[in-house]
Amino acid sequence: MFLRLFLIFTVTPVLELALLIQVGQLLGIIPTIVAVLTTGAAGAALARNQGLTALRRLQRSVAEATFPGDEIFDGFLILMGGLLLLTPGFLTDLVGFAALLPGTRSILKVVIKREVRLRFNSRTKNVRYNIH
């Protein structure tokens, strides 16, 4: 886990910086800055819109007394997508938009649910129940 976090927080910024430099050399400084600011603004607007939609679905689910599993995953992915879009860079923007757009978010949700289920099942298999 430590190695994964270390790689995410060191490799990702280095890749983002390298990509920003390459795009800056190709397009120029001003267009690159405008692109980064535009994706941030568009991401914030999309995150707000999708977040409010997810919140309404969550409220409806609670009012109907059903477990809001999908709504919780949607909220988590929307929050992560919004945070990634506020981070300057093109790779994080790509992942952030994927988490915010309903079509790609549903694919990410399937992957995350499967991973959570696998981790949960692998940990509960090893639990011994002592009944006295």
N, C-alpha and C. Protein backbone atom coordinates (compact mmCIF):
# COMPACT_ATOMS: atom_id res chain seq x y z
N MET A 1 0.83 -1.19 0.00
CA MET A 1 0.00 0.00 0.00
C MET A 1 0.87 1.25 0.00
N PHE A 2 1.91 1.25 0.83
CA PHE A 2 2.80 2.40 0.88
C PHE A 2 3.46 2.63 -0.47
N LEU A 3 3.87 1.56 -1.12
CA LEU A 3 4.52 1.69 -2.43
C LEU A 3 3.57 2.27 -3.46
N ARG A 4 2.31 1.82 -3.45
CA ARG A 4 1.31 2.37 -4.38
C ARG A 4 1.12 3.86 -4.16
N LEU A 5 0.94 4.26 -2.91
CA LEU A 5 0.76 5.68 -2.61
C LEU A 5 1.99 6.49 -2.99
N PHE A 6 3.15 5.95 -2.70
CA PHE A 6 4.39 6.63 -3.06
C PHE A 6 4.47 6.85 -4.56
N LEU A 7 4.15 5.81 -5.33
CA LEU A 7 4.19 5.93 -6.79
C LEU A 7 3.16 6.92 -7.30
N ILE A 8 1.95 6.88 -6.74
CA ILE A 8 0.90 7.80 -7.18
C ILE A 8 1.31 9.25 -6.92
N PHE A 9 1.87 9.51 -5.74
CA PHE A 9 2.18 10.89 -5.37
C PHE A 9 3.53 11.37 -5.87
N THR A 10 4.32 10.49 -6.47
CA THR A 10 5.59 10.94 -7.05
C THR A 10 5.60 10.81 -8.57
N VAL A 11 5.14 9.68 -9.08
CA VAL A 11 5.19 9.46 -10.53
C VAL A 11 4.15 10.33 -11.24
N THR A 12 2.94 10.41 -10.71
CA THR A 12 1.89 11.18 -11.36
C THR A 12 2.29 12.65 -11.55
N PRO A 13 2.76 13.34 -10.53
CA PRO A 13 3.16 14.75 -10.74
C PRO A 13 4.30 14.90 -11.75
N VAL A 14 5.23 13.97 -11.75
CA VAL A 14 6.34 14.04 -12.70
C VAL A 14 5.82 13.86 -14.12
N LEU A 15 4.93 12.89 -14.33
CA LEU A 15 4.34 12.69 -15.65
C LEU A 15 3.51 13.90 -16.08
N GLU A 16 2.75 14.45 -15.16
CA GLU A 16 1.95 15.65 -15.47
C GLU A 16 2.85 16.81 -15.87
N LEU A 17 3.91 17.01 -15.13
CA LEU A 17 4.83 18.10 -15.43
C LEU A 17 5.48 17.91 -16.79
N ALA A 18 5.90 16.69 -17.08
CA ALA A 18 6.51 16.41 -18.38
C ALA A 18 5.52 16.66 -19.51
N LEU A 19 4.28 16.23 -19.31
CA LEU A 19 3.26 16.44 -20.33
C LEU A 19 2.94 17.92 -20.50
N LEU A 20 2.85 18.65 -19.41
CA LEU A 20 2.61 20.10 -19.50
C LEU A 20 3.74 20.81 -20.24
N ILE A 21 4.95 20.40 -20.00
CA ILE A 21 6.10 21.00 -20.70
C ILE A 21 6.01 20.70 -22.20
N GLN A 22 5.69 19.45 -22.54
CA GLN A 22 5.58 19.09 -23.95
C GLN A 22 4.45 19.86 -24.65
N VAL A 23 3.30 19.93 -24.00
CA VAL A 23 2.18 20.66 -24.58
C VAL A 23 2.52 22.15 -24.67
N GLY A 24 3.18 22.67 -23.64
CA GLY A 24 3.61 24.08 -23.66
C GLY A 24 4.55 24.38 -24.81
N GLN A 25 5.45 23.46 -25.10
CA GLN A 25 6.37 23.65 -26.22
C GLN A 25 5.64 23.56 -27.55
N LEU A 26 4.65 22.70 -27.62
CA LEU A 26 3.90 22.50 -28.86
C LEU A 26 2.92 23.65 -29.13
N LEU A 27 2.13 24.02 -28.11
CA LEU A 27 1.09 25.04 -28.29
C LEU A 27 1.52 26.43 -27.88
N GLY A 28 2.45 26.51 -26.95
CA GLY A 28 2.84 27.79 -26.37
C GLY A 28 2.35 27.88 -24.94
N ILE A 29 2.90 28.83 -24.21
CA ILE A 29 2.59 28.94 -22.78
C ILE A 29 1.15 29.37 -22.54
N ILE A 30 0.72 30.43 -23.21
CA ILE A 30 -0.63 30.97 -22.96
C ILE A 30 -1.72 29.96 -23.31
N PRO A 31 -1.69 29.33 -24.50
CA PRO A 31 -2.73 28.33 -24.79
C PRO A 31 -2.73 27.15 -23.80
N THR A 32 -1.56 26.77 -23.32
CA THR A 32 -1.49 25.68 -22.35
C THR A 32 -2.14 26.09 -21.04
N ILE A 33 -1.83 27.29 -20.58
CA ILE A 33 -2.44 27.80 -19.33
C ILE A 33 -3.95 27.92 -19.49
N VAL A 34 -4.39 28.43 -20.64
CA VAL A 34 -5.83 28.55 -20.90
C VAL A 34 -6.49 27.16 -20.90
N ALA A 35 -5.84 26.18 -21.50
CA ALA A 35 -6.38 24.82 -21.52
C ALA A 35 -6.52 24.26 -20.11
N VAL A 36 -5.51 24.46 -19.28
CA VAL A 36 -5.55 23.96 -17.90
C VAL A 36 -6.66 24.65 -17.12
N LEU A 37 -6.77 25.97 -17.27
CA LEU A 37 -7.81 26.71 -16.55
C LEU A 37 -9.21 26.35 -17.06
N THR A 38 -9.34 26.15 -18.36
CA THR A 38 -10.63 25.78 -18.94
C THR A 38 -11.09 24.41 -18.46
N THR A 39 -10.19 23.45 -18.43
CA THR A 39 -10.58 22.12 -17.94
C THR A 39 -10.95 22.17 -16.47
N GLY A 40 -10.26 23.01 -15.71
CA GLY A 40 -10.60 23.16 -14.30
C GLY A 40 -11.99 23.76 -14.11
N ALA A 41 -12.29 24.82 -14.88
CA ALA A 41 -13.61 25.46 -14.77
C ALA A 41 -14.72 24.53 -15.26
N ALA A 42 -14.48 23.88 -16.39
CA ALA A 42 -15.49 22.95 -16.92
C ALA A 42 -15.70 21.79 -15.95
N GLY A 43 -14.62 21.31 -15.36
CA GLY A 43 -14.72 20.23 -14.39
C GLY A 43 -15.49 20.64 -13.15
N ALA A 44 -15.26 21.85 -12.67
CA ALA A 44 -15.98 22.33 -11.49
C ALA A 44 -17.48 22.42 -11.78
N ALA A 45 -17.83 22.93 -12.95
CA ALA A 45 -19.24 23.05 -13.32
C ALA A 45 -19.88 21.67 -13.47
N LEU A 46 -19.17 20.76 -14.12
CA LEU A 46 -19.68 19.40 -14.30
C LEU A 46 -19.80 18.67 -12.96
N ALA A 47 -18.81 18.86 -12.09
CA ALA A 47 -18.85 18.22 -10.77
C ALA A 47 -20.04 18.73 -9.97
N ARG A 48 -20.30 20.03 -10.05
CA ARG A 48 -21.44 20.60 -9.33
C ARG A 48 -22.74 20.02 -9.86
N ASN A 49 -22.89 20.00 -11.17
CA ASN A 49 -24.10 19.47 -11.79
C ASN A 49 -24.31 18.00 -11.45
N GLN A 50 -23.28 17.18 -11.65
CA GLN A 50 -23.40 15.75 -11.38
C GLN A 50 -23.56 15.49 -9.88
N GLY A 51 -22.91 16.29 -9.05
CA GLY A 51 -23.03 16.13 -7.61
C GLY A 51 -24.45 16.41 -7.12
N LEU A 52 -25.06 17.46 -7.66
CA LEU A 52 -26.44 17.76 -7.27
C LEU A 52 -27.40 16.67 -7.74
N THR A 53 -27.16 16.14 -8.93
CA THR A 53 -27.99 15.04 -9.43
C THR A 53 -27.84 13.81 -8.54
N ALA A 54 -26.61 13.48 -8.17
CA ALA A 54 -26.37 12.33 -7.29
C ALA A 54 -27.00 12.56 -5.92
N LEU A 55 -26.94 13.78 -5.42
CA LEU A 55 -27.53 14.10 -4.12
C LEU A 55 -29.05 13.91 -4.16
N ARG A 56 -29.68 14.36 -5.24
CA ARG A 56 -31.14 14.17 -5.37
C ARG A 56 -31.49 12.68 -5.42
N ARG A 57 -30.69 11.89 -6.14
CA ARG A 57 -30.93 10.45 -6.20
C ARG A 57 -30.74 9.80 -4.83
N LEU A 58 -29.73 10.27 -4.09
CA LEU A 58 -29.48 9.76 -2.74
C LEU A 58 -30.67 10.08 -1.84
N GLN A 59 -31.16 11.31 -1.89
CA GLN A 59 -32.30 11.71 -1.06
C GLN A 59 -33.55 10.89 -1.41
N ARG A 60 -33.75 10.65 -2.71
CA ARG A 60 -34.89 9.85 -3.15
C ARG A 60 -34.78 8.42 -2.63
N SER A 61 -33.59 7.88 -2.69
CA SER A 61 -33.36 6.51 -2.24
C SER A 61 -33.62 6.40 -0.73
N VAL A 62 -33.14 7.36 0.02
CA VAL A 62 -33.36 7.34 1.47
C VAL A 62 -34.85 7.52 1.78
N ALA A 63 -35.52 8.40 1.04
CA ALA A 63 -36.95 8.62 1.26
C ALA A 63 -37.75 7.35 0.95
N GLU A 64 -37.27 6.56 -0.01
CA GLU A 64 -37.95 5.31 -0.36
C GLU A 64 -37.49 4.14 0.50
N ALA A 65 -36.62 4.42 1.46
CA ALA A 65 -36.09 3.42 2.39
C ALA A 65 -35.37 2.27 1.67
N THR A 66 -34.61 2.62 0.63
CA THR A 66 -33.77 1.63 -0.05
C THR A 66 -32.31 1.99 0.17
N PHE A 67 -31.47 0.98 0.16
CA PHE A 67 -30.05 1.21 0.40
C PHE A 67 -29.45 1.97 -0.80
N PRO A 68 -28.79 3.10 -0.54
CA PRO A 68 -28.27 3.93 -1.62
C PRO A 68 -26.86 3.54 -2.06
N GLY A 69 -26.64 2.27 -2.40
CA GLY A 69 -25.30 1.80 -2.76
C GLY A 69 -24.74 2.49 -3.98
N ASP A 70 -25.49 2.49 -5.08
CA ASP A 70 -25.01 3.14 -6.31
C ASP A 70 -24.81 4.64 -6.10
N GLU A 71 -25.70 5.25 -5.35
CA GLU A 71 -25.60 6.69 -5.11
C GLU A 71 -24.34 7.03 -4.31
N ILE A 72 -23.97 6.15 -3.38
CA ILE A 72 -22.75 6.37 -2.60
C ILE A 72 -21.52 6.26 -3.50
N PHE A 73 -21.49 5.26 -4.35
CA PHE A 73 -20.37 5.12 -5.29
C PHE A 73 -20.32 6.31 -6.25
N ASP A 74 -21.49 6.74 -6.74
CA ASP A 74 -21.53 7.91 -7.62
C ASP A 74 -20.98 9.14 -6.91
N GLY A 75 -21.41 9.36 -5.69
CA GLY A 75 -20.93 10.51 -4.93
C GLY A 75 -19.43 10.48 -4.73
N PHE A 76 -18.91 9.31 -4.41
CA PHE A 76 -17.46 9.16 -4.22
C PHE A 76 -16.71 9.47 -5.52
N LEU A 77 -17.18 8.89 -6.63
CA LEU A 77 -16.51 9.11 -7.92
C LEU A 77 -16.62 10.56 -8.37
N ILE A 78 -17.75 11.19 -8.12
CA ILE A 78 -17.91 12.60 -8.49
C ILE A 78 -16.97 13.46 -7.67
N LEU A 79 -16.86 13.19 -6.39
CA LEU A 79 -15.93 13.94 -5.54
C LEU A 79 -14.49 13.77 -6.01
N MET A 80 -14.09 12.53 -6.28
CA MET A 80 -12.73 12.27 -6.75
C MET A 80 -12.48 12.92 -8.11
N GLY A 81 -13.47 12.82 -9.00
CA GLY A 81 -13.33 13.44 -10.32
C GLY A 81 -13.18 14.94 -10.23
N GLY A 82 -13.97 15.56 -9.37
CA GLY A 82 -13.86 17.01 -9.17
C GLY A 82 -12.51 17.41 -8.62
N LEU A 83 -12.02 16.65 -7.66
CA LEU A 83 -10.70 16.95 -7.10
C LEU A 83 -9.59 16.78 -8.14
N LEU A 84 -9.69 15.74 -8.95
CA LEU A 84 -8.68 15.52 -9.99
C LEU A 84 -8.70 16.64 -11.03
N LEU A 85 -9.89 17.17 -11.34
CA LEU A 85 -9.97 18.25 -12.32
C LEU A 85 -9.45 19.57 -11.78
N LEU A 86 -9.43 19.72 -10.48
CA LEU A 86 -8.86 20.94 -9.89
C LEU A 86 -7.34 20.89 -9.85
N THR A 87 -6.79 19.69 -10.01
CA THR A 87 -5.34 19.52 -10.04
C THR A 87 -4.85 19.86 -11.44
N PRO A 88 -3.87 20.75 -11.56
CA PRO A 88 -3.39 21.08 -12.91
C PRO A 88 -2.72 19.89 -13.58
N GLY A 89 -3.10 19.64 -14.81
CA GLY A 89 -2.51 18.56 -15.57
C GLY A 89 -3.52 17.91 -16.48
N PHE A 90 -3.04 17.24 -17.49
CA PHE A 90 -3.92 16.64 -18.48
C PHE A 90 -4.28 15.19 -18.15
N LEU A 91 -3.37 14.45 -17.54
CA LEU A 91 -3.68 13.06 -17.17
C LEU A 91 -4.74 13.01 -16.07
N THR A 92 -4.58 13.85 -15.06
CA THR A 92 -5.57 13.88 -13.98
C THR A 92 -6.90 14.40 -14.50
N ASP A 93 -6.87 15.31 -15.48
CA ASP A 93 -8.12 15.80 -16.08
C ASP A 93 -8.84 14.67 -16.81
N LEU A 94 -8.09 13.86 -17.50
CA LEU A 94 -8.68 12.74 -18.24
C LEU A 94 -9.40 11.78 -17.28
N VAL A 95 -8.72 11.42 -16.20
CA VAL A 95 -9.33 10.52 -15.21
C VAL A 95 -10.49 11.22 -14.50
N GLY A 96 -10.33 12.51 -14.22
CA GLY A 96 -11.40 13.27 -13.56
C GLY A 96 -12.65 13.34 -14.40
N PHE A 97 -12.50 13.63 -15.69
CA PHE A 97 -13.68 13.66 -16.58
C PHE A 97 -14.31 12.28 -16.68
N ALA A 98 -13.48 11.24 -16.71
CA ALA A 98 -14.02 9.87 -16.77
C ALA A 98 -14.89 9.58 -15.54
N ALA A 99 -14.49 10.10 -14.39
CA ALA A 99 -15.26 9.88 -13.16
C ALA A 99 -16.52 10.73 -13.12
N LEU A 100 -16.55 11.83 -13.86
CA LEU A 100 -17.71 12.73 -13.82
C LEU A 100 -18.76 12.41 -14.87
N LEU A 101 -18.35 11.90 -16.00
CA LEU A 101 -19.31 11.62 -17.07
C LEU A 101 -20.06 10.33 -16.75
N PRO A 102 -21.39 10.37 -16.79
CA PRO A 102 -22.19 9.20 -16.37
C PRO A 102 -21.82 7.90 -17.08
N GLY A 103 -21.54 7.92 -18.35
CA GLY A 103 -21.22 6.69 -19.07
C GLY A 103 -19.95 6.03 -18.59
N THR A 104 -18.88 6.81 -18.51
CA THR A 104 -17.61 6.24 -18.05
C THR A 104 -17.62 6.01 -16.55
N ARG A 105 -18.40 6.82 -15.82
CA ARG A 105 -18.49 6.61 -14.37
C ARG A 105 -19.12 5.25 -14.07
N SER A 106 -20.10 4.85 -14.88
CA SER A 106 -20.73 3.54 -14.63
C SER A 106 -19.73 2.41 -14.84
N ILE A 107 -18.81 2.57 -15.80
CA ILE A 107 -17.77 1.56 -16.01
C ILE A 107 -16.82 1.54 -14.82
N LEU A 108 -16.41 2.72 -14.35
CA LEU A 108 -15.53 2.81 -13.18
C LEU A 108 -16.21 2.21 -11.95
N LYS A 109 -17.51 2.43 -11.84
CA LYS A 109 -18.27 1.90 -10.70
C LYS A 109 -18.23 0.37 -10.69
N VAL A 110 -18.39 -0.24 -11.84
CA VAL A 110 -18.35 -1.70 -11.93
C VAL A 110 -16.97 -2.21 -11.49
N VAL A 111 -15.92 -1.56 -11.95
CA VAL A 111 -14.56 -1.97 -11.61
C VAL A 111 -14.31 -1.81 -10.11
N ILE A 112 -14.72 -0.69 -9.55
CA ILE A 112 -14.49 -0.42 -8.12
C ILE A 112 -15.30 -1.38 -7.26
N LYS A 113 -16.56 -1.62 -7.64
CA LYS A 113 -17.39 -2.56 -6.87
C LYS A 113 -16.77 -3.95 -6.87
N ARG A 114 -16.28 -4.38 -8.03
CA ARG A 114 -15.66 -5.70 -8.10
C ARG A 114 -14.42 -5.75 -7.20
N GLU A 115 -13.62 -4.71 -7.22
CA GLU A 115 -12.41 -4.67 -6.39
C GLU A 115 -12.77 -4.68 -4.90
N VAL A 116 -13.77 -3.90 -4.52
CA VAL A 116 -14.21 -3.87 -3.11
C VAL A 116 -14.72 -5.24 -2.69
N ARG A 117 -15.53 -5.86 -3.57
CA ARG A 117 -16.07 -7.18 -3.27
C ARG A 117 -14.95 -8.21 -3.11
N LEU A 118 -13.96 -8.19 -4.01
CA LEU A 118 -12.85 -9.13 -3.91
C LEU A 118 -12.05 -8.93 -2.63
N ARG A 119 -11.77 -7.68 -2.30
CA ARG A 119 -11.02 -7.41 -1.06
C ARG A 119 -11.82 -7.82 0.17
N PHE A 120 -13.09 -7.52 0.16
CA PHE A 120 -13.93 -7.87 1.30
C PHE A 120 -14.00 -9.38 1.46
N ASN A 121 -14.23 -10.09 0.37
CA ASN A 121 -14.33 -11.56 0.44
C ASN A 121 -13.01 -12.20 0.86
N SER A 122 -11.88 -11.68 0.39
CA SER A 122 -10.59 -12.27 0.75
C SER A 122 -10.28 -12.04 2.23
N ARG A 123 -10.75 -10.95 2.78
CA ARG A 123 -10.50 -10.69 4.20
C ARG A 123 -11.47 -11.43 5.10
N THR A 124 -12.70 -11.60 4.66
CA THR A 124 -13.66 -12.29 5.53
C THR A 124 -13.47 -13.80 5.50
N LYS A 125 -12.83 -14.34 4.47
CA LYS A 125 -12.54 -15.78 4.43
C LYS A 125 -11.60 -16.18 5.55
N ASN A 126 -10.71 -15.27 5.91
CA ASN A 126 -9.70 -15.57 6.91
C ASN A 126 -10.16 -15.29 8.34
N VAL A 127 -11.37 -14.80 8.49
CA VAL A 127 -11.88 -14.49 9.83
C VAL A 127 -12.47 -15.76 10.42
N ARG A 128 -12.06 -16.06 11.62
CA ARG A 128 -12.60 -17.23 12.34
C ARG A 128 -13.62 -16.74 13.34
N TYR A 129 -14.72 -17.41 13.33
CA TYR A 129 -15.79 -17.06 14.25
C TYR A 129 -15.72 -17.98 15.47
N ASN A 130 -15.52 -17.38 16.62
CA ASN A 130 -15.49 -18.16 17.87
C ASN A 130 -16.83 -17.98 18.56
N ILE A 131 -17.59 -19.03 18.59
CA ILE A 131 -18.89 -18.98 19.26
C ILE A 131 -18.76 -19.74 20.56
N HIS A 132 -19.05 -19.07 21.63
CA HIS A 132 -18.91 -19.69 22.96
C HIS A 132 -20.22 -20.18 23.46
